[in-house]
Amino acid sequence: MRGAGKGLVWLLGCLVIVVPACRAATFEEIARQAAAARDADHVPEAIDLYRQALQLKPDWPEGWFYLGTLFYDSDRYAEAQPAFAQFVNLADKPAGWAFLGLCEFETGGYAQAHEHLQKALDGGLAPEIEGVVRFHQALLLTRLGLFDQALHWYQAIVRSGIHDPTLMAGLGLNSLDKPMLPKEAPPDQREFIDSVGRTVFTWLSGDRKTEADFHTLMATYPNAPGIHNLYATYLLGTHPEDAMPELRRELEVNPGSVEARAMLALLLLQDGHPDDAAAYAKKAAADQPSCPLAQYAYGLILADSHEAAEHLEIAERLDPFNFEYHVALAHAYSRLGRNDDARRERKASIQLARENDPRGAR
């Protein structure tokens, strides 16, 4: 027994010596190790270390951000998303909202992604990430059915010089009013969608080949829904007298085309046929209340009534970047004696004109 007692004392002595050497690492030590592993591109090790550090200090914003980026760069978006959510909860930074929105885009949370990406853009982003966010926002606006708003984003993207297969598909889907992402397009329609996108890209780029590209597109897909409407939109800026026959042709092959009906109403109103225009515009606005062009056309036809202002307000709300909607609403408010509202809309239209002027007018 005495020998056993001496052995126990010796063992306890050893433990006294060993335990300090095996003490738990501090938060600062683990954080340094995590940063070193991240810098060395040892991703699994870095993820594990950041998780350990965050268990010790869950209110560490940088840790959540770096953990999120490690997951994001590994295409593990579902795991990156809660990390970025924790980051923006602790630090309201545009980069955090950007990555959170991009993760939501990849995991199918499109409405939240749209909201958070816009929050990131409103806060200001570095150029290298701003372009990525704007591109995804354009795709999202198409996916959410906000085609007119998406077009404004696509115009800026094309002007920036980006030339990408996903951009072509996105432009095609948006031009055909198809609320989907490029990856969701039916396989048997992808070549058609890409062809439309390439033609629209040429158009938005100001390329002189646009007319030839449209003729090729029309010859290849003469009965495809949306093609004649798209060509008519192009003709309004080049040969407006030829637009109306294309819109009527669109309604022959695609009787449900709300946009063609609304555009036809505007042209008939312009040509002095208000009764015919009213019939087309009223049906377009009723068939698809979410179409800003239809609401705009019907609002113009209703002229000086309170109902006209209501329809123009809907159009502006659906597409707040459209200069013409603000101008029309300003005129409607002025005729109704709503002078403060008219001044507000005129200011908004002037601001939009400045932003859209390629010369940077002031």
Protein backbone atom coordinates (compact mmCIF):
# COMPACT_ATOMS: atom_id res chain seq x y z
CA MET A 1 0.00 0.00 0.00
CA ARG A 2 2.84 2.35 0.85
CA GLY A 3 4.39 1.69 -2.56
CA ALA A 4 1.05 2.36 -4.19
CA GLY A 5 0.77 5.66 -2.30
CA LYS A 6 4.19 6.77 -3.49
CA GLY A 7 3.21 5.89 -7.05
CA LEU A 8 0.05 8.00 -6.82
CA VAL A 9 1.98 10.98 -5.48
CA TRP A 10 4.46 10.65 -8.36
CA LEU A 11 1.59 10.46 -10.93
CA LEU A 12 -0.13 13.53 -9.49
CA GLY A 13 3.16 15.39 -9.65
CA CYS A 14 3.51 14.54 -13.28
CA LEU A 15 -0.02 15.79 -13.94
CA VAL A 16 0.79 19.09 -12.30
CA ILE A 17 3.68 19.44 -14.73
CA VAL A 18 1.77 18.23 -17.84
CA VAL A 19 -1.56 20.09 -17.50
CA PRO A 20 -0.19 23.60 -18.08
CA ALA A 21 1.43 22.38 -21.29
CA CYS A 22 -1.99 21.09 -22.46
CA ARG A 23 -4.02 24.16 -21.46
CA ALA A 24 -6.77 25.37 -23.79
CA ALA A 25 -5.61 27.82 -26.42
CA THR A 26 -6.89 31.37 -26.07
CA PHE A 27 -9.20 33.06 -28.58
CA GLU A 28 -6.33 35.23 -29.80
CA GLU A 29 -4.14 32.20 -30.46
CA ILE A 30 -6.86 30.35 -32.40
CA ALA A 31 -7.71 33.49 -34.39
CA ARG A 32 -4.06 33.85 -35.42
CA GLN A 33 -3.90 30.20 -36.40
CA ALA A 34 -7.12 30.58 -38.43
CA ALA A 35 -5.75 33.58 -40.30
CA ALA A 36 -2.51 31.74 -41.04
CA ALA A 37 -4.39 28.71 -42.35
CA ARG A 38 -6.58 30.96 -44.51
CA ASP A 39 -3.55 32.78 -45.93
CA ALA A 40 -1.93 29.43 -46.71
CA ASP A 41 -5.12 28.30 -48.48
CA HIS A 42 -5.58 25.43 -46.02
CA VAL A 43 -9.36 25.76 -46.29
CA PRO A 44 -10.66 22.83 -44.15
CA GLU A 45 -8.22 23.68 -41.36
CA ALA A 46 -9.11 27.37 -41.52
CA ILE A 47 -12.85 26.61 -41.37
CA ASP A 48 -12.33 24.42 -38.31
CA LEU A 49 -10.21 27.06 -36.57
CA TYR A 50 -12.64 29.89 -37.29
CA ARG A 51 -15.45 27.77 -35.88
CA GLN A 52 -13.44 27.16 -32.72
CA ALA A 53 -12.66 30.86 -32.36
CA LEU A 54 -16.30 31.82 -32.87
CA GLN A 55 -17.38 29.40 -30.15
CA LEU A 56 -15.15 31.35 -27.79
CA LYS A 57 -16.20 34.76 -29.14
CA PRO A 58 -19.48 34.64 -31.09
CA ASP A 59 -19.61 38.44 -31.43
CA TRP A 60 -16.46 38.53 -33.61
CA PRO A 61 -17.59 40.09 -36.95
CA GLU A 62 -14.39 39.40 -38.87
CA GLY A 63 -14.53 35.73 -37.92
CA TRP A 64 -18.04 35.35 -39.33
CA PHE A 65 -17.03 37.19 -42.51
CA TYR A 66 -13.93 35.07 -43.13
CA LEU A 67 -15.82 31.87 -42.32
CA GLY A 68 -18.49 32.91 -44.82
CA THR A 69 -15.95 33.65 -47.55
CA LEU A 70 -14.23 30.29 -47.00
CA PHE A 71 -17.55 28.51 -47.50
CA TYR A 72 -18.49 30.78 -50.42
CA ASP A 73 -15.23 30.17 -52.27
CA SER A 74 -15.80 26.43 -51.79
CA ASP A 75 -19.30 26.71 -53.37
CA ARG A 76 -20.84 25.78 -50.01
CA TYR A 77 -23.45 28.54 -50.22
CA ALA A 78 -25.94 27.05 -47.76
CA GLU A 79 -23.23 27.04 -45.07
CA ALA A 80 -21.90 30.47 -46.04
CA GLN A 81 -25.33 32.10 -45.80
CA PRO A 82 -25.79 31.92 -41.99
CA ALA A 83 -22.21 33.09 -41.47
CA PHE A 84 -22.86 36.24 -43.51
CA ALA A 85 -26.21 36.70 -41.76
CA GLN A 86 -24.35 36.73 -38.44
CA PHE A 87 -21.81 39.19 -39.87
CA VAL A 88 -24.38 41.77 -41.05
CA ASN A 89 -26.16 41.42 -37.71
CA LEU A 90 -22.93 42.50 -36.00
CA ALA A 91 -21.56 44.87 -38.66
CA ASP A 92 -23.83 46.58 -41.18
CA LYS A 93 -21.34 46.53 -44.06
CA PRO A 94 -22.16 46.56 -47.81
CA ALA A 95 -19.76 43.68 -48.56
CA GLY A 96 -21.58 41.51 -46.02
CA TRP A 97 -24.96 42.25 -47.59
CA ALA A 98 -23.48 41.54 -51.02
CA PHE A 99 -22.21 38.09 -50.05
CA LEU A 100 -25.41 37.29 -48.16
CA GLY A 101 -27.45 38.18 -51.24
CA LEU A 102 -25.21 36.15 -53.53
CA CYS A 103 -25.60 33.13 -51.25
CA GLU A 104 -29.39 33.56 -51.25
CA PHE A 105 -29.28 33.78 -55.04
CA GLU A 106 -27.47 30.45 -55.20
CA THR A 107 -29.81 28.76 -52.69
CA GLY A 108 -33.04 29.99 -54.30
CA GLY A 109 -34.06 32.78 -51.94
CA TYR A 110 -34.59 35.20 -54.80
CA ALA A 111 -36.76 37.84 -53.12
CA GLN A 112 -34.36 38.11 -50.16
CA ALA A 113 -31.38 38.11 -52.51
CA HIS A 114 -32.84 41.01 -54.48
CA GLU A 115 -33.42 43.00 -51.29
CA HIS A 116 -29.98 42.34 -49.83
CA LEU A 117 -28.06 42.93 -53.06
CA GLN A 118 -29.82 46.28 -53.43
CA LYS A 119 -28.90 47.11 -49.83
CA ALA A 120 -25.27 46.36 -50.69
CA LEU A 121 -25.36 48.60 -53.77
CA ASP A 122 -27.00 51.42 -51.84
CA GLY A 123 -24.22 51.25 -49.27
CA GLY A 124 -21.41 51.42 -51.83
CA LEU A 125 -19.17 48.60 -52.98
CA ALA A 126 -15.66 48.18 -54.32
CA PRO A 127 -15.67 48.07 -58.16
CA GLU A 128 -14.57 44.43 -58.34
CA ILE A 129 -17.63 43.23 -56.42
CA GLU A 130 -20.09 45.89 -57.60
CA GLY A 131 -20.08 44.51 -61.15
CA VAL A 132 -20.85 41.00 -59.89
CA VAL A 133 -23.70 42.27 -57.73
CA ARG A 134 -25.21 44.34 -60.54
CA PHE A 135 -25.08 41.38 -62.90
CA HIS A 136 -26.86 39.12 -60.41
CA GLN A 137 -29.40 41.85 -59.69
CA ALA A 138 -30.30 42.04 -63.38
CA LEU A 139 -30.78 38.27 -63.50
CA LEU A 140 -32.94 38.45 -60.37
CA LEU A 141 -35.16 41.22 -61.72
CA THR A 142 -35.89 39.04 -64.74
CA ARG A 143 -36.53 36.04 -62.48
CA LEU A 144 -38.98 38.14 -60.44
CA GLY A 145 -40.81 39.26 -63.59
CA LEU A 146 -39.62 42.89 -63.39
CA PHE A 147 -38.56 42.97 -67.02
CA ASP A 148 -38.58 46.73 -67.56
CA GLN A 149 -36.46 47.35 -64.48
CA ALA A 150 -34.08 44.59 -65.52
CA LEU A 151 -33.58 46.20 -68.93
CA HIS A 152 -32.12 49.33 -67.32
CA TRP A 153 -29.58 47.17 -65.49
CA TYR A 154 -28.73 45.19 -68.61
CA GLN A 155 -28.16 48.39 -70.59
CA ALA A 156 -25.56 49.52 -68.06
CA ILE A 157 -23.92 46.08 -68.01
CA VAL A 158 -23.62 45.99 -71.80
CA ARG A 159 -22.12 49.50 -71.80
CA SER A 160 -19.54 48.34 -69.26
CA GLY A 161 -18.10 45.95 -71.84
CA ILE A 162 -19.06 42.61 -70.27
CA HIS A 163 -19.53 39.83 -72.82
CA ASP A 164 -20.57 36.58 -71.19
CA PRO A 165 -22.74 33.57 -72.21
CA THR A 166 -24.88 33.96 -69.09
CA LEU A 167 -25.44 37.61 -69.98
CA MET A 168 -26.66 36.60 -73.46
CA ALA A 169 -29.09 34.12 -71.95
CA GLY A 170 -30.26 36.65 -69.38
CA LEU A 171 -30.86 39.28 -72.07
CA GLY A 172 -32.78 36.75 -74.14
CA LEU A 173 -35.03 35.71 -71.28
CA ASN A 174 -35.70 39.31 -70.30
CA SER A 175 -36.46 40.35 -73.88
CA LEU A 176 -38.94 37.48 -74.19
CA ASP A 177 -40.58 38.24 -70.82
CA LYS A 178 -39.66 34.85 -69.39
CA PRO A 179 -39.37 35.02 -65.57
CA MET A 180 -36.54 32.56 -65.08
CA LEU A 181 -32.79 32.29 -64.66
CA PRO A 182 -30.58 31.04 -67.52
CA LYS A 183 -30.05 27.73 -65.72
CA GLU A 184 -33.84 27.24 -65.56
CA ALA A 185 -34.41 27.67 -69.29
CA PRO A 186 -35.78 24.53 -71.03
CA PRO A 187 -32.96 22.77 -72.91
CA ASP A 188 -34.87 22.79 -76.20
CA GLN A 189 -35.25 26.61 -76.06
CA ARG A 190 -31.72 27.58 -75.05
CA GLU A 191 -30.37 28.13 -78.55
CA PHE A 192 -33.38 30.32 -79.38
CA ILE A 193 -33.00 32.31 -76.13
CA ASP A 194 -29.27 32.76 -76.71
CA SER A 195 -29.93 33.98 -80.27
CA VAL A 196 -32.36 36.58 -78.97
CA GLY A 197 -29.85 37.62 -76.32
CA ARG A 198 -27.05 38.03 -78.84
CA THR A 199 -29.27 40.17 -81.06
CA VAL A 200 -30.33 42.39 -78.16
CA PHE A 201 -26.71 42.68 -77.04
CA THR A 202 -25.78 43.93 -80.52
CA TRP A 203 -28.67 46.41 -80.36
CA LEU A 204 -27.77 47.75 -76.91
CA SER A 205 -24.12 48.01 -77.95
CA GLY A 206 -25.07 50.37 -80.79
CA ASP A 207 -23.60 48.01 -83.36
CA ARG A 208 -24.50 48.73 -86.99
CA LYS A 209 -25.11 44.99 -87.51
CA THR A 210 -28.30 45.18 -85.43
CA GLU A 211 -30.67 45.40 -88.40
CA ALA A 212 -29.02 42.42 -90.10
CA ASP A 213 -29.08 40.41 -86.87
CA PHE A 214 -32.81 41.08 -86.46
CA HIS A 215 -33.49 39.94 -90.02
CA THR A 216 -31.57 36.72 -89.38
CA LEU A 217 -33.45 36.17 -86.12
CA MET A 218 -36.83 36.76 -87.78
CA ALA A 219 -35.99 34.44 -90.66
CA THR A 220 -34.87 31.67 -88.31
CA TYR A 221 -37.77 31.95 -85.83
CA PRO A 222 -40.64 33.60 -87.77
CA ASN A 223 -43.43 32.28 -85.52
CA ALA A 224 -41.71 32.37 -82.14
CA PRO A 225 -43.70 34.28 -79.50
CA GLY A 226 -42.09 37.60 -78.61
CA ILE A 227 -39.91 38.01 -81.72
CA HIS A 228 -42.18 40.43 -83.63
CA ASN A 229 -42.83 42.45 -80.50
CA LEU A 230 -39.09 42.75 -79.87
CA TYR A 231 -38.44 43.79 -83.46
CA ALA A 232 -41.22 46.39 -83.24
CA THR A 233 -39.56 47.84 -80.15
CA TYR A 234 -36.34 48.20 -82.11
CA LEU A 235 -38.17 49.74 -85.10
CA LEU A 236 -39.72 52.44 -82.92
CA GLY A 237 -36.27 53.99 -82.68
CA THR A 238 -35.27 53.51 -86.33
CA HIS A 239 -38.32 53.08 -88.59
CA PRO A 240 -41.41 53.78 -86.44
CA GLU A 241 -43.76 53.55 -89.43
CA ASP A 242 -42.90 49.84 -89.70
CA ALA A 243 -43.57 48.99 -86.04
CA MET A 244 -47.36 48.64 -86.16
CA PRO A 245 -47.45 45.76 -88.70
CA GLU A 246 -44.94 43.85 -86.55
CA LEU A 247 -47.13 44.32 -83.47
CA ARG A 248 -50.17 43.04 -85.33
CA ARG A 249 -48.13 40.07 -86.53
CA GLU A 250 -47.10 39.41 -82.91
CA LEU A 251 -50.76 39.30 -81.84
CA GLU A 252 -51.45 36.83 -84.65
CA VAL A 253 -48.83 34.35 -83.50
CA ASN A 254 -49.10 35.25 -79.81
CA PRO A 255 -52.61 36.57 -78.99
CA GLY A 256 -51.81 36.84 -75.29
CA SER A 257 -48.98 39.35 -75.72
CA VAL A 258 -49.84 42.14 -73.31
CA GLU A 259 -46.83 44.24 -74.26
CA ALA A 260 -47.66 44.12 -77.98
CA ARG A 261 -51.22 45.14 -77.20
CA ALA A 262 -50.05 48.07 -75.05
CA MET A 263 -47.53 49.26 -77.65
CA LEU A 264 -50.19 49.03 -80.35
CA ALA A 265 -52.49 51.16 -78.18
CA LEU A 266 -49.84 53.86 -77.87
CA LEU A 267 -49.24 53.92 -81.63
CA LEU A 268 -52.97 54.09 -82.38
CA LEU A 269 -53.36 56.96 -79.90
CA GLN A 270 -50.46 58.75 -81.56
CA ASP A 271 -52.05 58.24 -84.99
CA GLY A 272 -55.36 59.77 -83.84
CA HIS A 273 -57.43 56.63 -83.19
CA PRO A 274 -58.28 57.00 -79.47
CA ASP A 275 -61.25 54.59 -79.48
CA ASP A 276 -59.25 51.72 -80.98
CA ALA A 277 -56.35 52.57 -78.69
CA ALA A 278 -58.59 52.49 -75.61
CA ALA A 279 -59.82 48.98 -76.40
CA TYR A 280 -56.27 47.62 -76.72
CA ALA A 281 -54.98 49.46 -73.64
CA LYS A 282 -57.90 48.50 -71.40
CA LYS A 283 -57.53 44.80 -72.24
CA ALA A 284 -53.75 44.92 -71.76
CA ALA A 285 -54.06 46.54 -68.32
CA ALA A 286 -56.75 44.05 -67.28
CA ASP A 287 -54.92 40.99 -68.60
CA GLN A 288 -51.66 41.81 -66.81
CA PRO A 289 -51.93 44.49 -64.10
CA SER A 290 -48.21 44.03 -63.34
CA CYS A 291 -47.16 45.24 -66.82
CA PRO A 292 -46.00 48.86 -66.45
CA LEU A 293 -46.31 49.60 -70.17
CA ALA A 294 -49.96 48.50 -70.14
CA GLN A 295 -50.69 50.69 -67.13
CA TYR A 296 -48.90 53.62 -68.77
CA ALA A 297 -50.82 53.24 -72.04
CA TYR A 298 -54.18 53.02 -70.29
CA GLY A 299 -53.30 55.99 -68.08
CA LEU A 300 -52.48 58.15 -71.11
CA ILE A 301 -55.73 57.21 -72.81
CA LEU A 302 -57.80 58.05 -69.73
CA ALA A 303 -56.26 61.54 -69.96
CA ASP A 304 -57.46 64.05 -67.33
CA SER A 305 -59.27 61.73 -64.92
CA HIS A 306 -58.24 60.67 -61.44
CA GLU A 307 -58.25 57.11 -62.77
CA ALA A 308 -55.55 58.09 -65.27
CA ALA A 309 -53.25 59.20 -62.46
CA GLU A 310 -53.88 55.94 -60.63
CA HIS A 311 -52.76 53.86 -63.60
CA LEU A 312 -49.72 56.06 -64.19
CA GLU A 313 -48.80 55.72 -60.51
CA ILE A 314 -48.89 51.94 -60.89
CA ALA A 315 -46.66 52.14 -63.98
CA GLU A 316 -44.14 54.32 -62.16
CA ARG A 317 -44.12 52.05 -59.11
CA LEU A 318 -43.50 48.99 -61.31
CA ASP A 319 -40.71 50.73 -63.26
CA PRO A 320 -39.38 53.69 -61.26
CA PHE A 321 -36.46 54.22 -63.67
CA ASN A 322 -38.64 55.05 -66.68
CA PHE A 323 -38.32 58.73 -67.55
CA GLU A 324 -41.55 58.84 -69.57
CA TYR A 325 -43.66 57.51 -66.71
CA HIS A 326 -42.53 60.33 -64.42
CA VAL A 327 -43.18 62.95 -67.11
CA ALA A 328 -46.67 61.60 -67.82
CA LEU A 329 -47.49 61.49 -64.13
CA ALA A 330 -46.27 65.07 -63.67
CA HIS A 331 -48.64 66.20 -66.44
CA ALA A 332 -51.53 64.22 -64.93
CA TYR A 333 -50.97 65.73 -61.49
CA SER A 334 -50.73 69.22 -62.97
CA ARG A 335 -54.05 68.83 -64.78
CA LEU A 336 -55.64 67.64 -61.54
CA GLY A 337 -54.29 70.61 -59.60
CA ARG A 338 -51.88 68.50 -57.54
CA ASN A 339 -49.04 70.94 -57.99
CA ASP A 340 -46.70 69.65 -55.26
CA ASP A 341 -46.94 66.13 -56.64
CA ALA A 342 -46.34 67.47 -60.15
CA ARG A 343 -43.18 69.28 -59.03
CA ARG A 344 -41.90 66.13 -57.35
CA GLU A 345 -42.37 64.09 -60.53
CA ARG A 346 -40.71 66.75 -62.68
CA LYS A 347 -37.70 66.73 -60.36
CA ALA A 348 -37.55 62.93 -60.58
CA SER A 349 -37.70 63.03 -64.39
CA ILE A 350 -34.91 65.62 -64.56
CA GLN A 351 -32.75 63.49 -62.28
CA LEU A 352 -33.35 60.41 -64.43
CA ALA A 353 -32.53 62.37 -67.58
CA ARG A 354 -29.19 63.39 -66.06
CA GLU A 355 -28.37 59.86 -64.96
CA ASN A 356 -29.21 58.43 -68.38
CA ASP A 357 -27.31 61.07 -70.36
CA PRO A 358 -24.10 59.37 -71.60
CA ARG A 359 -22.39 62.77 -71.64
CA GLY A 360 -23.00 63.13 -67.89
CA ALA A 361 -25.22 66.18 -68.24
CA ARG A 362 -25.64 68.41 -65.22
